[in-house]
C-alpha atoms as a PDB file:
ATOM      1  CA  MET A   1       0.000   0.000   0.000  1.00  0.00           C
ATOM      2  CA  PRO A   2       2.119   2.925  -1.257  1.00  0.00           C
ATOM      3  CA  GLY A   3       1.669   6.400   0.158  1.00  0.00           C
ATOM      4  CA  LEU A   4       2.091   8.096   3.505  1.00  0.00           C
ATOM      5  CA  VAL A   5       1.138   5.001   5.489  1.00  0.00           C
ATOM      6  CA  ASP A   6       2.945   1.658   5.260  1.00  0.00           C
ATOM      7  CA  TYR A   7       0.950  -1.520   5.775  1.00  0.00           C
ATOM      8  CA  SER A   8       2.149  -5.079   6.290  1.00  0.00           C
ATOM      9  CA  VAL A   9       0.913  -8.306   7.870  1.00  0.00           C
ATOM     10  CA  SER A  10       2.911 -11.006   9.621  1.00  0.00           C
ATOM     11  CA  GLU A  11       1.804 -13.860  11.899  1.00  0.00           C
ATOM     12  CA  GLY A  12      -1.655 -12.480  12.516  1.00  0.00           C
ATOM     13  CA  VAL A  13      -0.549  -8.907  13.237  1.00  0.00           C
ATOM     14  CA  ALA A  14      -1.073  -5.958  10.876  1.00  0.00           C
ATOM     15  CA  THR A  15       1.506  -3.187  11.240  1.00  0.00           C
ATOM     16  CA  ILE A  16       0.447   0.314  10.230  1.00  0.00           C
ATOM     17  CA  VAL A  17       3.262   2.890  10.031  1.00  0.00           C
ATOM     18  CA  LEU A  18       2.724   6.655   9.693  1.00  0.00           C
ATOM     19  CA  ASN A  19       5.504   7.471   7.250  1.00  0.00           C
ATOM     20  CA  ASP A  20       6.260  11.145   6.654  1.00  0.00           C
ATOM     21  CA  PRO A  21       9.460  11.716   8.650  1.00  0.00           C
ATOM     22  CA  PRO A  22      10.768  13.317  10.641  1.00  0.00           C
ATOM     23  CA  MET A  23       7.501  14.471  12.252  1.00  0.00           C
ATOM     24  CA  ASN A  24       4.951  12.119  10.658  1.00  0.00           C
ATOM     25  CA  ALA A  25       2.485  15.011  10.782  1.00  0.00           C
ATOM     26  CA  TYR A  26      -0.754  14.091   9.097  1.00  0.00           C
ATOM     27  CA  THR A  27      -2.422  15.712   6.128  1.00  0.00           C
ATOM     28  CA  HIS A  28      -5.758  14.717   4.627  1.00  0.00           C
ATOM     29  CA  GLU A  29      -3.806  12.465   2.263  1.00  0.00           C
ATOM     30  CA  MET A  30      -2.152  10.638   5.175  1.00  0.00           C
ATOM     31  CA  MET A  31      -5.482  10.298   6.983  1.00  0.00           C
ATOM     32  CA  LYS A  32      -7.028   8.758   3.854  1.00  0.00           C
ATOM     33  CA  ASP A  33      -4.139   6.280   3.705  1.00  0.00           C
ATOM     34  CA  LEU A  34      -4.604   5.492   7.403  1.00  0.00           C
ATOM     35  CA  ASP A  35      -8.333   4.981   6.838  1.00  0.00           C
ATOM     36  CA  ALA A  36      -7.605   2.567   3.981  1.00  0.00           C
ATOM     37  CA  ALA A  37      -5.107   0.618   6.112  1.00  0.00           C
ATOM     38  CA  ILE A  38      -7.614   0.294   8.961  1.00  0.00           C
ATOM     39  CA  LEU A  39     -10.234  -1.080   6.572  1.00  0.00           C
ATOM     40  CA  GLU A  40      -7.681  -3.464   5.058  1.00  0.00           C
ATOM     41  CA  ALA A  41      -6.911  -4.859   8.514  1.00  0.00           C
ATOM     42  CA  ARG A  42     -10.602  -5.004   9.461  1.00  0.00           C
ATOM     43  CA  PHE A  43     -11.564  -7.119   6.440  1.00  0.00           C
ATOM     44  CA  ASP A  44      -8.547  -9.463   6.612  1.00  0.00           C
ATOM     45  CA  ASN A  45      -9.566 -12.622   8.480  1.00  0.00           C
ATOM     46  CA  GLU A  46      -5.895 -13.453   8.993  1.00  0.00           C
ATOM     47  CA  VAL A  47      -5.368 -10.268  11.024  1.00  0.00           C
ATOM     48  CA  HIS A  48      -6.156 -10.630  14.720  1.00  0.00           C
ATOM     49  CA  ALA A  49      -4.294  -7.615  16.141  1.00  0.00           C
ATOM     50  CA  ILE A  50      -3.074  -4.256  14.838  1.00  0.00           C
ATOM     51  CA  VAL A  51       0.081  -2.325  15.762  1.00  0.00           C
ATOM     52  CA  LEU A  52       0.128   1.379  14.923  1.00  0.00           C
ATOM     53  CA  THR A  53       3.427   3.250  14.969  1.00  0.00           C
ATOM     54  CA  GLY A  54       5.404   6.084  13.368  1.00  0.00           C
ATOM     55  CA  HIS A  55       8.477   5.984  11.128  1.00  0.00           C
ATOM     56  CA  GLY A  56      11.771   6.807  12.820  1.00  0.00           C
ATOM     57  CA  GLU A  57      12.793   7.607  16.373  1.00  0.00           C
ATOM     58  CA  LYS A  58      11.949  11.319  16.618  1.00  0.00           C
ATOM     59  CA  PHE A  59       8.162  11.253  16.447  1.00  0.00           C
ATOM     60  CA  PHE A  60       5.328   8.792  16.631  1.00  0.00           C
ATOM     61  CA  CYS A  61       3.325  11.684  15.208  1.00  0.00           C
ATOM     62  CA  ALA A  62       3.452  15.458  15.691  1.00  0.00           C
ATOM     63  CA  GLY A  63      -0.263  15.867  14.908  1.00  0.00           C
ATOM     64  CA  ALA A  64      -1.882  17.688  12.028  1.00  0.00           C
ATOM     65  CA  ASN A  65       0.383  19.375   9.487  1.00  0.00           C
ATOM     66  CA  ILE A  66       0.119  23.032  10.527  1.00  0.00           C
ATOM     67  CA  ARG A  67       1.416  24.375   7.209  1.00  0.00           C
ATOM     68  CA  MET A  68      -1.339  22.470   5.437  1.00  0.00           C
ATOM     69  CA  LEU A  69      -3.949  23.945   7.804  1.00  0.00           C
ATOM     70  CA  SER A  70      -2.627  27.456   7.157  1.00  0.00           C
ATOM     71  CA  GLU A  71      -3.257  27.065   3.414  1.00  0.00           C
ATOM     72  CA  VAL A  72      -6.813  25.674   3.325  1.00  0.00           C
ATOM     73  CA  ASP A  73     -10.205  27.310   3.856  1.00  0.00           C
ATOM     74  CA  GLN A  74     -12.668  26.883   6.706  1.00  0.00           C
ATOM     75  CA  THR A  75     -14.793  24.351   4.849  1.00  0.00           C
ATOM     76  CA  PHE A  76     -11.794  22.130   4.194  1.00  0.00           C
ATOM     77  CA  LYS A  77     -10.704  22.382   7.853  1.00  0.00           C
ATOM     78  CA  TYR A  78     -14.165  21.274   9.013  1.00  0.00           C
ATOM     79  CA  TYR A  79     -14.306  18.233   6.734  1.00  0.00           C
ATOM     80  CA  PHE A  80     -10.673  17.422   7.479  1.00  0.00           C
ATOM     81  CA  CYS A  81     -11.569  17.153  11.177  1.00  0.00           C
ATOM     82  CA  LEU A  82     -14.752  15.219  10.391  1.00  0.00           C
ATOM     83  CA  HIS A  83     -12.900  12.637   8.308  1.00  0.00           C
ATOM     84  CA  ALA A  84     -10.183  12.310  10.957  1.00  0.00           C
ATOM     85  CA  ASN A  85     -12.907  11.659  13.556  1.00  0.00           C
ATOM     86  CA  GLU A  86     -14.496   9.029  11.316  1.00  0.00           C
ATOM     87  CA  THR A  87     -11.147   7.346  10.660  1.00  0.00           C
ATOM     88  CA  LEU A  88     -10.283   7.049  14.354  1.00  0.00           C
ATOM     89  CA  GLN A  89     -13.779   5.809  15.169  1.00  0.00           C
ATOM     90  CA  ARG A  90     -13.269   3.082  12.561  1.00  0.00           C
ATOM     91  CA  LEU A  91     -10.033   2.148  14.319  1.00  0.00           C
ATOM     92  CA  GLU A  92     -11.776   2.154  17.695  1.00  0.00           C
ATOM     93  CA  ARG A  93     -14.753   0.129  16.456  1.00  0.00           C
ATOM     94  CA  THR A  94     -12.774  -2.523  14.590  1.00  0.00           C
ATOM     95  CA  PRO A  95     -13.185  -5.626  16.788  1.00  0.00           C
ATOM     96  CA  LYS A  96      -9.479  -6.438  16.799  1.00  0.00           C
ATOM     97  CA  LEU A  97      -6.999  -5.354  19.456  1.00  0.00           C
ATOM     98  CA  VAL A  98      -5.119  -2.169  18.489  1.00  0.00           C
ATOM     99  CA  ILE A  99      -1.782  -1.339  20.130  1.00  0.00           C
ATOM    100  CA  ALA A 100      -0.106   2.037  19.605  1.00  0.00           C
ATOM    101  CA  ALA A 101       3.691   1.749  19.767  1.00  0.00           C
ATOM    102  CA  LEU A 102       4.930   5.154  20.907  1.00  0.00           C
ATOM    103  CA  SER A 103       8.594   5.813  20.211  1.00  0.00           C
ATOM    104  CA  GLY A 104       9.585   9.465  20.007  1.00  0.00           C
ATOM    105  CA  HIS A 105       7.303  12.400  20.684  1.00  0.00           C
ATOM    106  CA  CYS A 106       3.547  11.907  20.510  1.00  0.00           C
ATOM    107  CA  VAL A 107       1.844  15.288  20.657  1.00  0.00           C
ATOM    108  CA  GLY A 108      -1.303  17.031  19.504  1.00  0.00           C
ATOM    109  CA  GLY A 109      -3.170  15.010  16.920  1.00  0.00           C
ATOM    110  CA  GLY A 110      -0.532  12.311  17.274  1.00  0.00           C
ATOM    111  CA  LEU A 111      -1.663  11.651  20.817  1.00  0.00           C
ATOM    112  CA  GLU A 112      -5.271  11.841  19.635  1.00  0.00           C
ATOM    113  CA  ILE A 113      -4.532   9.021  17.168  1.00  0.00           C
ATOM    114  CA  ALA A 114      -2.886   7.003  19.937  1.00  0.00           C
ATOM    115  CA  LEU A 115      -5.861   7.557  22.249  1.00  0.00           C
ATOM    116  CA  ALA A 116      -8.060   5.729  19.732  1.00  0.00           C
ATOM    117  CA  ALA A 117      -5.956   2.583  20.225  1.00  0.00           C
ATOM    118  CA  ASP A 118      -6.874   0.042  22.896  1.00  0.00           C
ATOM    119  CA  LEU A 119      -3.411  -0.126  24.452  1.00  0.00           C
ATOM    120  CA  ARG A 120      -0.554   2.363  24.315  1.00  0.00           C
ATOM    121  CA  LEU A 121       2.972   1.041  24.871  1.00  0.00           C
ATOM    122  CA  ALA A 122       5.689   3.687  25.075  1.00  0.00           C
ATOM    123  CA  ARG A 123       9.460   3.454  24.767  1.00  0.00           C
ATOM    124  CA  LYS A 124      11.004   4.780  27.950  1.00  0.00           C
ATOM    125  CA  GLY A 125      12.885   8.051  27.596  1.00  0.00           C
ATOM    126  CA  SER A 126      12.134   8.402  23.891  1.00  0.00           C
ATOM    127  CA  GLY A 127      10.042  11.572  23.994  1.00  0.00           C
ATOM    128  CA  LYS A 128       7.090  13.448  25.412  1.00  0.00           C
ATOM    129  CA  CYS A 129       3.369  13.509  24.843  1.00  0.00           C
ATOM    130  CA  GLY A 130       0.546  15.983  25.399  1.00  0.00           C
ATOM    131  CA  LEU A 131      -2.148  18.078  23.767  1.00  0.00           C
ATOM    132  CA  PRO A 132      -0.675  21.606  23.268  1.00  0.00           C
ATOM    133  CA  GLU A 133      -3.277  22.908  20.783  1.00  0.00           C
ATOM    134  CA  VAL A 134      -4.221  25.783  23.105  1.00  0.00           C
ATOM    135  CA  ALA A 135      -0.938  27.464  22.078  1.00  0.00           C
ATOM    136  CA  LEU A 136      -2.365  27.722  18.537  1.00  0.00           C
ATOM    137  CA  GLY A 137      -5.649  29.164  19.745  1.00  0.00           C
ATOM    138  CA  VAL A 138      -7.577  25.971  18.987  1.00  0.00           C
ATOM    139  CA  LEU A 139      -8.618  22.795  20.816  1.00  0.00           C
ATOM    140  CA  PRO A 140      -7.657  19.150  20.324  1.00  0.00           C
ATOM    141  CA  GLY A 141     -10.067  18.504  17.462  1.00  0.00           C
ATOM    142  CA  THR A 142      -9.433  14.868  16.601  1.00  0.00           C
ATOM    143  CA  GLY A 143     -11.129  13.366  19.623  1.00  0.00           C
ATOM    144  CA  GLY A 144      -8.724  14.600  22.283  1.00  0.00           C
ATOM    145  CA  THR A 145     -11.240  16.477  24.421  1.00  0.00           C
ATOM    146  CA  GLN A 146     -13.481  13.415  24.521  1.00  0.00           C
ATOM    147  CA  ARG A 147     -11.098  10.460  24.783  1.00  0.00           C
ATOM    148  CA  LEU A 148      -8.674  12.076  27.244  1.00  0.00           C
ATOM    149  CA  ALA A 149     -11.520  13.060  29.573  1.00  0.00           C
ATOM    150  CA  ARG A 150     -12.865   9.509  29.500  1.00  0.00           C
ATOM    151  CA  LEU A 151      -9.395   8.184  30.220  1.00  0.00           C
ATOM    152  CA  VAL A 152      -8.122  10.413  33.037  1.00  0.00           C
ATOM    153  CA  GLY A 153     -11.261  12.221  34.238  1.00  0.00           C
ATOM    154  CA  ARG A 154     -12.656  15.638  33.415  1.00  0.00           C
ATOM    155  CA  ALA A 155     -10.620  17.841  35.758  1.00  0.00           C
ATOM    156  CA  LYS A 156      -7.229  16.322  34.898  1.00  0.00           C
ATOM    157  CA  ALA A 157      -8.040  16.336  31.177  1.00  0.00           C
ATOM    158  CA  ILE A 158      -8.994  20.019  31.301  1.00  0.00           C
ATOM    159  CA  GLU A 159      -5.829  20.858  33.241  1.00  0.00           C
ATOM    160  CA  LEU A 160      -3.619  19.051  30.733  1.00  0.00           C
ATOM    161  CA  MET A 161      -5.294  20.690  27.734  1.00  0.00           C
ATOM    162  CA  VAL A 162      -5.621  24.267  28.993  1.00  0.00           C
ATOM    163  CA  SER A 163      -2.006  24.266  30.199  1.00  0.00           C
ATOM    164  CA  GLY A 164      -0.891  22.651  26.955  1.00  0.00           C
ATOM    165  CA  ARG A 165       2.064  21.135  28.757  1.00  0.00           C
ATOM    166  CA  THR A 166       3.884  18.071  27.501  1.00  0.00           C
ATOM    167  CA  PHE A 167       5.124  15.312  29.786  1.00  0.00           C
ATOM    168  CA  ASP A 168       7.343  12.260  29.557  1.00  0.00           C
ATOM    169  CA  TYR A 169       6.076   8.713  29.266  1.00  0.00           C
ATOM    170  CA  ASP A 170       6.685   7.878  32.918  1.00  0.00           C
ATOM    171  CA  GLU A 171       4.264  10.636  33.910  1.00  0.00           C
ATOM    172  CA  ALA A 172       1.927   9.513  31.131  1.00  0.00           C
ATOM    173  CA  LEU A 173       1.910   6.056  32.703  1.00  0.00           C
ATOM    174  CA  ALA A 174       1.131   7.481  36.147  1.00  0.00           C
ATOM    175  CA  LEU A 175      -1.736   9.503  34.636  1.00  0.00           C
ATOM    176  CA  GLY A 176      -3.109   6.497  32.786  1.00  0.00           C
ATOM    177  CA  VAL A 177      -2.485   8.046  29.358  1.00  0.00           C
ATOM    178  CA  VAL A 178      -0.245   5.121  28.363  1.00  0.00           C
ATOM    179  CA  THR A 179      -0.755   1.578  29.560  1.00  0.00           C
ATOM    180  CA  GLU A 180       2.874   0.485  29.721  1.00  0.00           C
ATOM    181  CA  VAL A 181       6.402   1.890  29.408  1.00  0.00           C
ATOM    182  CA  ARG A 182       9.115  -0.433  28.144  1.00  0.00           C
ATOM    183  CA  GLU A 183      12.910  -0.170  27.940  1.00  0.00           C
ATOM    184  CA  ALA A 184      14.412  -0.686  24.478  1.00  0.00           C
ATOM    185  CA  ALA A 185      17.811   0.056  22.963  1.00  0.00           C
ATOM    186  CA  ASP A 186      16.350   1.707  19.875  1.00  0.00           C
ATOM    187  CA  ASP A 187      13.200   2.113  17.833  1.00  0.00           C
ATOM    188  CA  ALA A 188      13.646  -1.178  15.968  1.00  0.00           C
ATOM    189  CA  ALA A 189      14.067  -3.150  19.186  1.00  0.00           C
ATOM    190  CA  PHE A 190      11.018  -1.454  20.670  1.00  0.00           C
ATOM    191  CA  LEU A 191       8.852  -2.265  17.662  1.00  0.00           C
ATOM    192  CA  GLU A 192       9.997  -5.877  17.773  1.00  0.00           C
ATOM    193  CA  LEU A 193       8.993  -5.993  21.433  1.00  0.00           C
ATOM    194  CA  VAL A 194       5.551  -4.513  20.715  1.00  0.00           C
ATOM    195  CA  LEU A 195       4.955  -6.869  17.796  1.00  0.00           C
ATOM    196  CA  ALA A 196       5.752  -9.837  20.036  1.00  0.00           C
ATOM    197  CA  HIS A 197       3.273  -8.493  22.583  1.00  0.00           C
ATOM    198  CA  ALA A 198       0.629  -8.065  19.882  1.00  0.00           C
ATOM    199  CA  LYS A 199       1.214 -11.618  18.658  1.00  0.00           C
ATOM    200  CA  SER A 200       0.316 -12.903  22.137  1.00  0.00           C
ATOM    201  CA  PHE A 201      -3.274 -11.837  21.368  1.00  0.00           C
ATOM    202  CA  THR A 202      -3.519 -13.899  18.160  1.00  0.00           C
ATOM    203  CA  THR A 203      -4.490 -17.494  17.475  1.00  0.00           C
ATOM    204  CA  PRO A 204      -3.783 -20.254  18.280  1.00  0.00           C
ATOM    205  CA  GLU A 205      -2.619 -19.149  21.757  1.00  0.00           C
ATOM    206  CA  ARG A 206      -5.369 -16.582  22.349  1.00  0.00           C
ATOM    207  CA  ALA A 207      -9.017 -16.563  21.340  1.00  0.00           C
ATOM    208  CA  ALA A 208      -8.879 -13.508  19.077  1.00  0.00           C
ATOM    209  CA  LEU A 209     -12.665 -13.598  18.606  1.00  0.00           C
ATOM    210  CA  SER A 210     -13.088 -13.285  22.370  1.00  0.00           C
ATOM    211  CA  VAL A 211     -10.595 -10.391  22.473  1.00  0.00           C
ATOM    212  CA  GLY A 212     -12.558  -8.585  19.747  1.00  0.00           C
ATOM    213  CA  HIS A 213     -15.876  -9.106  21.532  1.00  0.00           C
ATOM    214  CA  ILE A 214     -14.419  -7.827  24.816  1.00  0.00           C
ATOM    215  CA  LYS A 215     -13.348  -4.681  22.969  1.00  0.00           C
ATOM    216  CA  ALA A 216     -16.794  -4.342  21.360  1.00  0.00           C
ATOM    217  CA  ALA A 217     -18.516  -4.754  24.731  1.00  0.00           C
ATOM    218  CA  VAL A 218     -16.393  -2.059  26.359  1.00  0.00           C
ATOM    219  CA  HIS A 219     -16.614   0.505  23.552  1.00  0.00           C
ATOM    220  CA  GLY A 220     -20.253  -0.203  22.798  1.00  0.00           C
ATOM    221  CA  GLY A 221     -21.459  -0.314  26.382  1.00  0.00           C
ATOM    222  CA  VAL A 222     -19.395   2.138  28.405  1.00  0.00           C
ATOM    223  CA  ASP A 223     -21.626   5.127  27.628  1.00  0.00           C
ATOM    224  CA  LEU A 224     -24.904   3.201  27.938  1.00  0.00           C
ATOM    225  CA  SER A 225     -26.932   2.678  31.078  1.00  0.00           C
ATOM    226  CA  LEU A 226     -25.823  -0.339  33.121  1.00  0.00           C
ATOM    227  CA  ASP A 227     -28.896  -2.306  32.034  1.00  0.00           C
ATOM    228  CA  ALA A 228     -28.258  -1.565  28.354  1.00  0.00           C
ATOM    229  CA  GLY A 229     -24.574  -2.350  28.708  1.00  0.00           C
ATOM    230  CA  LEU A 230     -25.350  -5.684  30.371  1.00  0.00           C
ATOM    231  CA  ALA A 231     -27.800  -6.500  27.567  1.00  0.00           C
ATOM    232  CA  LEU A 232     -25.052  -5.843  24.993  1.00  0.00           C
ATOM    233  CA  GLU A 233     -22.664  -7.997  27.012  1.00  0.00           C
ATOM    234  CA  ARG A 234     -25.161 -10.883  27.072  1.00  0.00           C
ATOM    235  CA  GLU A 235     -25.668 -10.730  23.302  1.00  0.00           C
ATOM    236  CA  LEU A 236     -21.940 -10.777  22.634  1.00  0.00           C
ATOM    237  CA  GLN A 237     -21.463 -13.590  25.133  1.00  0.00           C
ATOM    238  CA  ALA A 238     -24.190 -15.626  23.414  1.00  0.00           C
ATOM    239  CA  LYS A 239     -22.339 -15.278  20.116  1.00  0.00           C
ATOM    240  CA  LEU A 240     -19.112 -16.428  21.761  1.00  0.00           C
ATOM    241  CA  PHE A 241     -20.783 -19.444  23.413  1.00  0.00           C
ATOM    242  CA  ALA A 242     -21.872 -20.527  19.921  1.00  0.00           C
ATOM    243  CA  SER A 243     -18.318 -20.210  18.526  1.00  0.00           C
ATOM    244  CA  ALA A 244     -15.893 -23.035  17.852  1.00  0.00           C
ATOM    245  CA  ASP A 245     -13.286 -21.267  19.987  1.00  0.00           C
ATOM    246  CA  ALA A 246     -15.512 -21.271  23.072  1.00  0.00           C
ATOM    247  CA  LYS A 247     -16.188 -24.978  22.612  1.00  0.00           C
ATOM    248  CA  GLU A 248     -12.447 -25.575  22.242  1.00  0.00           C
ATOM    249  CA  GLY A 249     -11.590 -23.399  25.259  1.00  0.00           C
ATOM    250  CA  ILE A 250     -14.086 -25.140  27.543  1.00  0.00           C
ATOM    251  CA  ALA A 251     -13.096 -28.611  26.309  1.00  0.00           C
ATOM    252  CA  ALA A 252      -9.400 -27.835  26.797  1.00  0.00           C
ATOM    253  CA  TYR A 253     -10.049 -26.701  30.363  1.00  0.00           C
ATOM    254  CA  VAL A 254     -11.997 -29.884  31.190  1.00  0.00           C
ATOM    255  CA  GLU A 255      -9.379 -32.069  29.527  1.00  0.00           C
ATOM    256  CA  LYS A 256      -6.518 -30.199  31.230  1.00  0.00           C
ATOM    257  CA  ARG A 257      -4.718 -29.300  28.000  1.00  0.00           C
ATOM    258  CA  LYS A 258      -3.719 -26.108  26.213  1.00  0.00           C
ATOM    259  CA  ALA A 259      -6.439 -24.715  23.971  1.00  0.00           C
ATOM    260  CA  GLN A 260      -5.728 -24.265  20.275  1.00  0.00           C
ATOM    261  CA  PHE A 261      -7.924 -21.419  19.045  1.00  0.00           C
ATOM    262  CA  LYS A 262      -8.806 -20.753  15.413  1.00  0.00           C
ATOM    263  CA  GLY A 263     -10.497 -17.351  15.617  1.00  0.00           C
ATOM    264  CA  ALA A 264     -13.906 -18.761  14.726  1.00  0.00           C
END
């Protein structure tokens, strides 16, 4: 898949790389390429997990390309934000585990992309993250105001956004912005580590269908009433009970052997 986003698949894991170094700042063209890669991974039955990263060691992503924004009209800016929202919602709603591999700085819209992933693993000491859009007189307009508030709470999210400060990945871990910080000698070693972690959520070791349904239950139910969320959970559970993987998992437990899942 040529363009501003690289796409590859290996051993059940799709790797999506934002590739416009050194900053990997996104334009509408990059967002269209990202959208296409997400759909490619969604429709591929051999893909059970997705790793999203940036090219090089300086930036995961520096956010929207500011020069591009300075050259377009208000209508374009509106639809640019709308399409970016739709793209990240597609990522969020794809029932496959998505891991953002953060090596280098992850700021502005870059962090907003990462927030749409299910897990965020960061390379220790490689950079900072944050939502500094207030310095430009705007707000985080690619889901940042909504996803960050849901992640860290309203007051802390407002504080981080109105101050516009950036912070290292250790603080991000303490805040709950990233889920894990890992040591790695360089970007390549870090990506290898993340890919190995992603592979642990694929078949035959892990029931990828179950992982996808867990994700769907959380994203689909978290903003519903408890009763509605429980109803969604029951429906998804019923589908899993009817799956070959659930039958295999239960049989393996009874027979005291390791389950061999097929993702079906």
